[in-house]
Amino acid sequence: MHCPGCGRPSEDCPGCLPAFDPPRYCADCGGWLAVRVSTGGWVARCKIHGETTAAR
């Protein structure tokens, strides 16, 4: 598992992503995510693992 805020392995990062920010890195592989933010939430897409969404 990886930190969604910085992409480092979870054991190397105590969790640097602020509570209401969308992830910037895939929690599974640590790869960069393509993130689209709207007033209704966000959609993040990993090239390997697909989409993750959150509605507000």
PDB file of N, CA and C in Angstrom:
ATOM      1  N   MET A   1       0.831  -1.179   0.000  1.00  0.00           N
ATOM      2  CA  MET A   1       0.000   0.000   0.000  1.00  0.00           C
ATOM      3  C   MET A   1       0.882   1.252   0.000  1.00  0.00           C
ATOM      4  N   HIS A   2       0.348   2.323  -0.599  1.00  0.00           N
ATOM      5  CA  HIS A   2       1.080   3.580  -0.733  1.00  0.00           C
ATOM      6  C   HIS A   2       0.251   4.742  -0.193  1.00  0.00           C
ATOM      7  N   CYS A   3       0.937   5.803   0.184  1.00  0.00           N
ATOM      8  CA  CYS A   3       0.278   7.026   0.642  1.00  0.00           C
ATOM      9  C   CYS A   3      -0.370   7.706  -0.566  1.00  0.00           C
ATOM     10  N   PRO A   4      -1.664   8.045  -0.513  1.00  0.00           N
ATOM     11  CA  PRO A   4      -2.314   8.722  -1.632  1.00  0.00           C
ATOM     12  C   PRO A   4      -1.911  10.186  -1.760  1.00  0.00           C
ATOM     13  N   GLY A   5      -1.170  10.714  -0.798  1.00  0.00           N
ATOM     14  CA  GLY A   5      -0.737  12.108  -0.856  1.00  0.00           C
ATOM     15  C   GLY A   5       0.616  12.297  -1.500  1.00  0.00           C
ATOM     16  N   CYS A   6       1.561  11.343  -1.257  1.00  0.00           N
ATOM     17  CA  CYS A   6       2.918  11.502  -1.793  1.00  0.00           C
ATOM     18  C   CYS A   6       3.388  10.308  -2.624  1.00  0.00           C
ATOM     19  N   GLY A   7       2.709   9.178  -2.549  1.00  0.00           N
ATOM     20  CA  GLY A   7       3.058   8.012  -3.349  1.00  0.00           C
ATOM     21  C   GLY A   7       4.103   7.096  -2.734  1.00  0.00           C
ATOM     22  N   ARG A   8       4.652   7.497  -1.584  1.00  0.00           N
ATOM     23  CA  ARG A   8       5.643   6.633  -0.924  1.00  0.00           C
ATOM     24  C   ARG A   8       4.949   5.440  -0.279  1.00  0.00           C
ATOM     25  N   PRO A   9       5.686   4.353  -0.018  1.00  0.00           N
ATOM     26  CA  PRO A   9       5.091   3.227   0.700  1.00  0.00           C
ATOM     27  C   PRO A   9       4.495   3.698   2.037  1.00  0.00           C
ATOM     28  N   SER A  10       3.375   3.124   2.427  1.00  0.00           N
ATOM     29  CA  SER A  10       2.651   3.549   3.631  1.00  0.00           C
ATOM     30  C   SER A  10       3.503   3.512   4.889  1.00  0.00           C
ATOM     31  N   GLU A  11       4.410   2.550   5.001  1.00  0.00           N
ATOM     32  CA  GLU A  11       5.244   2.468   6.198  1.00  0.00           C
ATOM     33  C   GLU A  11       6.265   3.604   6.276  1.00  0.00           C
ATOM     34  N   ASP A  12       6.518   4.295   5.160  1.00  0.00           N
ATOM     35  CA  ASP A  12       7.461   5.419   5.130  1.00  0.00           C
ATOM     36  C   ASP A  12       6.784   6.779   5.299  1.00  0.00           C
ATOM     37  N   CYS A  13       5.456   6.803   5.299  1.00  0.00           N
ATOM     38  CA  CYS A  13       4.723   8.075   5.390  1.00  0.00           C
ATOM     39  C   CYS A  13       3.582   7.936   6.396  1.00  0.00           C
ATOM     40  N   PRO A  14       3.484   8.835   7.352  1.00  0.00           N
ATOM     41  CA  PRO A  14       2.414   8.747   8.348  1.00  0.00           C
ATOM     42  C   PRO A  14       1.044   9.189   7.820  1.00  0.00           C
ATOM     43  N   GLY A  15       0.964   9.608   6.575  1.00  0.00           N
ATOM     44  CA  GLY A  15      -0.302  10.069   6.006  1.00  0.00           C
ATOM     45  C   GLY A  15      -0.311  11.573   5.838  1.00  0.00           C
ATOM     46  N   CYS A  16       0.183  12.054   4.721  1.00  0.00           N
ATOM     47  CA  CYS A  16       0.350  13.492   4.524  1.00  0.00           C
ATOM     48  C   CYS A  16      -0.792  14.133   3.734  1.00  0.00           C
ATOM     49  N   LEU A  17      -1.787  13.358   3.297  1.00  0.00           N
ATOM     50  CA  LEU A  17      -2.884  13.906   2.512  1.00  0.00           C
ATOM     51  C   LEU A  17      -3.921  14.550   3.440  1.00  0.00           C
ATOM     52  N   PRO A  18      -4.215  15.856   3.265  1.00  0.00           N
ATOM     53  CA  PRO A  18      -5.255  16.491   4.090  1.00  0.00           C
ATOM     54  C   PRO A  18      -6.607  15.797   3.910  1.00  0.00           C
ATOM     55  N   ALA A  19      -7.428  15.853   4.918  1.00  0.00           N
ATOM     56  CA  ALA A  19      -8.675  15.085   4.984  1.00  0.00           C
ATOM     57  C   ALA A  19      -9.614  15.284   3.791  1.00  0.00           C
ATOM     58  N   PHE A  20      -9.761  16.489   3.277  1.00  0.00           N
ATOM     59  CA  PHE A  20     -10.740  16.732   2.220  1.00  0.00           C
ATOM     60  C   PHE A  20     -10.139  16.830   0.824  1.00  0.00           C
ATOM     61  N   ASP A  21      -8.833  16.612   0.681  1.00  0.00           N
ATOM     62  CA  ASP A  21      -8.195  16.654  -0.631  1.00  0.00           C
ATOM     63  C   ASP A  21      -8.355  15.319  -1.354  1.00  0.00           C
ATOM     64  N   PRO A  22      -8.494  15.354  -2.684  1.00  0.00           N
ATOM     65  CA  PRO A  22      -8.538  14.094  -3.434  1.00  0.00           C
ATOM     66  C   PRO A  22      -7.147  13.467  -3.457  1.00  0.00           C
ATOM     67  N   PRO A  23      -7.051  12.173  -3.664  1.00  0.00           N
ATOM     68  CA  PRO A  23      -5.742  11.522  -3.736  1.00  0.00           C
ATOM     69  C   PRO A  23      -4.984  11.972  -4.969  1.00  0.00           C
ATOM     70  N   ARG A  24      -3.672  11.980  -4.907  1.00  0.00           N
ATOM     71  CA  ARG A  24      -2.820  12.326  -6.051  1.00  0.00           C
ATOM     72  C   ARG A  24      -2.057  11.118  -6.570  1.00  0.00           C
ATOM     73  N   TYR A  25      -1.954  10.083  -5.735  1.00  0.00           N
ATOM     74  CA  TYR A  25      -1.242   8.854  -6.096  1.00  0.00           C
ATOM     75  C   TYR A  25      -2.115   7.653  -5.774  1.00  0.00           C
ATOM     76  N   CYS A  26      -1.986   6.590  -6.552  1.00  0.00           N
ATOM     77  CA  CYS A  26      -2.745   5.363  -6.354  1.00  0.00           C
ATOM     78  C   CYS A  26      -2.282   4.680  -5.066  1.00  0.00           C
ATOM     79  N   ALA A  27      -3.229   4.321  -4.204  1.00  0.00           N
ATOM     80  CA  ALA A  27      -2.902   3.648  -2.945  1.00  0.00           C
ATOM     81  C   ALA A  27      -2.395   2.231  -3.187  1.00  0.00           C
ATOM     82  N   ASP A  28      -2.722   1.634  -4.338  1.00  0.00           N
ATOM     83  CA  ASP A  28      -2.290   0.267  -4.639  1.00  0.00           C
ATOM     84  C   ASP A  28      -0.872   0.202  -5.204  1.00  0.00           C
ATOM     85  N   CYS A  29      -0.567   1.076  -6.185  1.00  0.00           N
ATOM     86  CA  CYS A  29       0.729   0.969  -6.853  1.00  0.00           C
ATOM     87  C   CYS A  29       1.635   2.182  -6.658  1.00  0.00           C
ATOM     88  N   GLY A  30       1.110   3.293  -6.140  1.00  0.00           N
ATOM     89  CA  GLY A  30       1.911   4.497  -5.947  1.00  0.00           C
ATOM     90  C   GLY A  30       2.064   5.344  -7.190  1.00  0.00           C
ATOM     91  N   GLY A  31       1.370   4.966  -8.266  1.00  0.00           N
ATOM     92  CA  GLY A  31       1.456   5.719  -9.516  1.00  0.00           C
ATOM     93  C   GLY A  31       0.633   6.997  -9.474  1.00  0.00           C
ATOM     94  N   TRP A  32       1.000   7.966 -10.318  1.00  0.00           N
ATOM     95  CA  TRP A  32       0.325   9.258 -10.409  1.00  0.00           C
ATOM     96  C   TRP A  32      -1.094   9.053 -10.917  1.00  0.00           C
ATOM     97  N   LEU A  33      -2.067   9.754 -10.327  1.00  0.00           N
ATOM     98  CA  LEU A  33      -3.461   9.683 -10.734  1.00  0.00           C
ATOM     99  C   LEU A  33      -3.855  10.903 -11.560  1.00  0.00           C
ATOM    100  N   ALA A  34      -4.721  10.685 -12.525  1.00  0.00           N
ATOM    101  CA  ALA A  34      -5.360  11.786 -13.248  1.00  0.00           C
ATOM    102  C   ALA A  34      -6.617  12.108 -12.446  1.00  0.00           C
ATOM    103  N   VAL A  35      -6.703  13.318 -11.877  1.00  0.00           N
ATOM    104  CA  VAL A  35      -7.799  13.678 -10.980  1.00  0.00           C
ATOM    105  C   VAL A  35      -8.626  14.799 -11.597  1.00  0.00           C
ATOM    106  N   ARG A  36      -9.944  14.602 -11.567  1.00  0.00           N
ATOM    107  CA  ARG A  36     -10.884  15.629 -12.024  1.00  0.00           C
ATOM    108  C   ARG A  36     -11.750  16.005 -10.830  1.00  0.00           C
ATOM    109  N   VAL A  37     -11.725  17.271 -10.450  1.00  0.00           N
ATOM    110  CA  VAL A  37     -12.485  17.760  -9.298  1.00  0.00           C
ATOM    111  C   VAL A  37     -13.650  18.599  -9.799  1.00  0.00           C
ATOM    112  N   SER A  38     -14.823  18.374  -9.205  1.00  0.00           N
ATOM    113  CA  SER A  38     -15.998  19.175  -9.538  1.00  0.00           C
ATOM    114  C   SER A  38     -16.699  19.560  -8.239  1.00  0.00           C
ATOM    115  N   THR A  39     -17.772  20.314  -8.356  1.00  0.00           N
ATOM    116  CA  THR A  39     -18.508  20.718  -7.158  1.00  0.00           C
ATOM    117  C   THR A  39     -19.194  19.528  -6.491  1.00  0.00           C
ATOM    118  N   GLY A  40     -19.399  18.449  -7.230  1.00  0.00           N
ATOM    119  CA  GLY A  40     -20.060  17.268  -6.695  1.00  0.00           C
ATOM    120  C   GLY A  40     -19.123  16.225  -6.124  1.00  0.00           C
ATOM    121  N   GLY A  41     -17.824  16.444  -6.187  1.00  0.00           N
ATOM    122  CA  GLY A  41     -16.852  15.464  -5.691  1.00  0.00           C
ATOM    123  C   GLY A  41     -15.632  15.396  -6.574  1.00  0.00           C
ATOM    124  N   TRP A  42     -15.032  14.217  -6.686  1.00  0.00           N
ATOM    125  CA  TRP A  42     -13.861  14.049  -7.532  1.00  0.00           C
ATOM    126  C   TRP A  42     -13.826  12.645  -8.128  1.00  0.00           C
ATOM    127  N   VAL A  43     -13.091  12.516  -9.230  1.00  0.00           N
ATOM    128  CA  VAL A  43     -12.850  11.232  -9.884  1.00  0.00           C
ATOM    129  C   VAL A  43     -11.352  11.142 -10.119  1.00  0.00           C
ATOM    130  N   ALA A  44     -10.733  10.063  -9.657  1.00  0.00           N
ATOM    131  CA  ALA A  44      -9.303   9.843  -9.851  1.00  0.00           C
ATOM    132  C   ALA A  44      -9.122   8.552 -10.646  1.00  0.00           C
ATOM    133  N   ARG A  45      -8.218   8.580 -11.634  1.00  0.00           N
ATOM    134  CA  ARG A  45      -8.021   7.409 -12.477  1.00  0.00           C
ATOM    135  C   ARG A  45      -6.554   7.004 -12.506  1.00  0.00           C
ATOM    136  N   CYS A  46      -6.312   5.733 -12.180  1.00  0.00           N
ATOM    137  CA  CYS A  46      -4.989   5.124 -12.270  1.00  0.00           C
ATOM    138  C   CYS A  46      -4.917   4.364 -13.590  1.00  0.00           C
ATOM    139  N   LYS A  47      -3.795   4.430 -14.286  1.00  0.00           N
ATOM    140  CA  LYS A  47      -3.633   3.721 -15.551  1.00  0.00           C
ATOM    141  C   LYS A  47      -3.766   2.211 -15.375  1.00  0.00           C
ATOM    142  N   ILE A  48      -3.395   1.711 -14.202  1.00  0.00           N
ATOM    143  CA  ILE A  48      -3.408   0.270 -13.954  1.00  0.00           C
ATOM    144  C   ILE A  48      -4.681  -0.189 -13.243  1.00  0.00           C
ATOM    145  N   HIS A  49      -5.120   0.544 -12.213  1.00  0.00           N
ATOM    146  CA  HIS A  49      -6.197   0.089 -11.351  1.00  0.00           C
ATOM    147  C   HIS A  49      -7.562   0.719 -11.597  1.00  0.00           C
ATOM    148  N   GLY A  50      -7.676   1.641 -12.539  1.00  0.00           N
ATOM    149  CA  GLY A  50      -8.968   2.215 -12.892  1.00  0.00           C
ATOM    150  C   GLY A  50      -9.392   3.386 -12.027  1.00  0.00           C
ATOM    151  N   GLU A  51     -10.721   3.618 -11.974  1.00  0.00           N
ATOM    152  CA  GLU A  51     -11.279   4.815 -11.329  1.00  0.00           C
ATOM    153  C   GLU A  51     -11.618   4.627  -9.867  1.00  0.00           C
ATOM    154  N   THR A  52     -11.444   5.732  -9.123  1.00  0.00           N
ATOM    155  CA  THR A  52     -11.917   5.853  -7.758  1.00  0.00           C
ATOM    156  C   THR A  52     -12.697   7.159  -7.704  1.00  0.00           C
ATOM    157  N   THR A  53     -13.855   7.149  -7.039  1.00  0.00           N
ATOM    158  CA  THR A  53     -14.662   8.364  -6.981  1.00  0.00           C
ATOM    159  C   THR A  53     -15.071   8.691  -5.543  1.00  0.00           C
ATOM    160  N   ALA A  54     -15.418   9.937  -5.333  1.00  0.00           N
ATOM    161  CA  ALA A  54     -15.977  10.379  -4.051  1.00  0.00           C
ATOM    162  C   ALA A  54     -16.959  11.500  -4.329  1.00  0.00           C
ATOM    163  N   ALA A  55     -18.169  11.341  -3.859  1.00  0.00           N
ATOM    164  CA  ALA A  55     -19.191  12.378  -4.005  1.00  0.00           C
ATOM    165  C   ALA A  55     -19.289  13.149  -2.698  1.00  0.00           C
ATOM    166  N   ARG A  56     -19.569  14.432  -2.810  1.00  0.00           N
ATOM    167  CA  ARG A  56     -19.719  15.265  -1.612  1.00  0.00           C
ATOM    168  C   ARG A  56     -21.149  15.375  -1.223  1.00  0.00           C
TER     169      ARG A  56
END
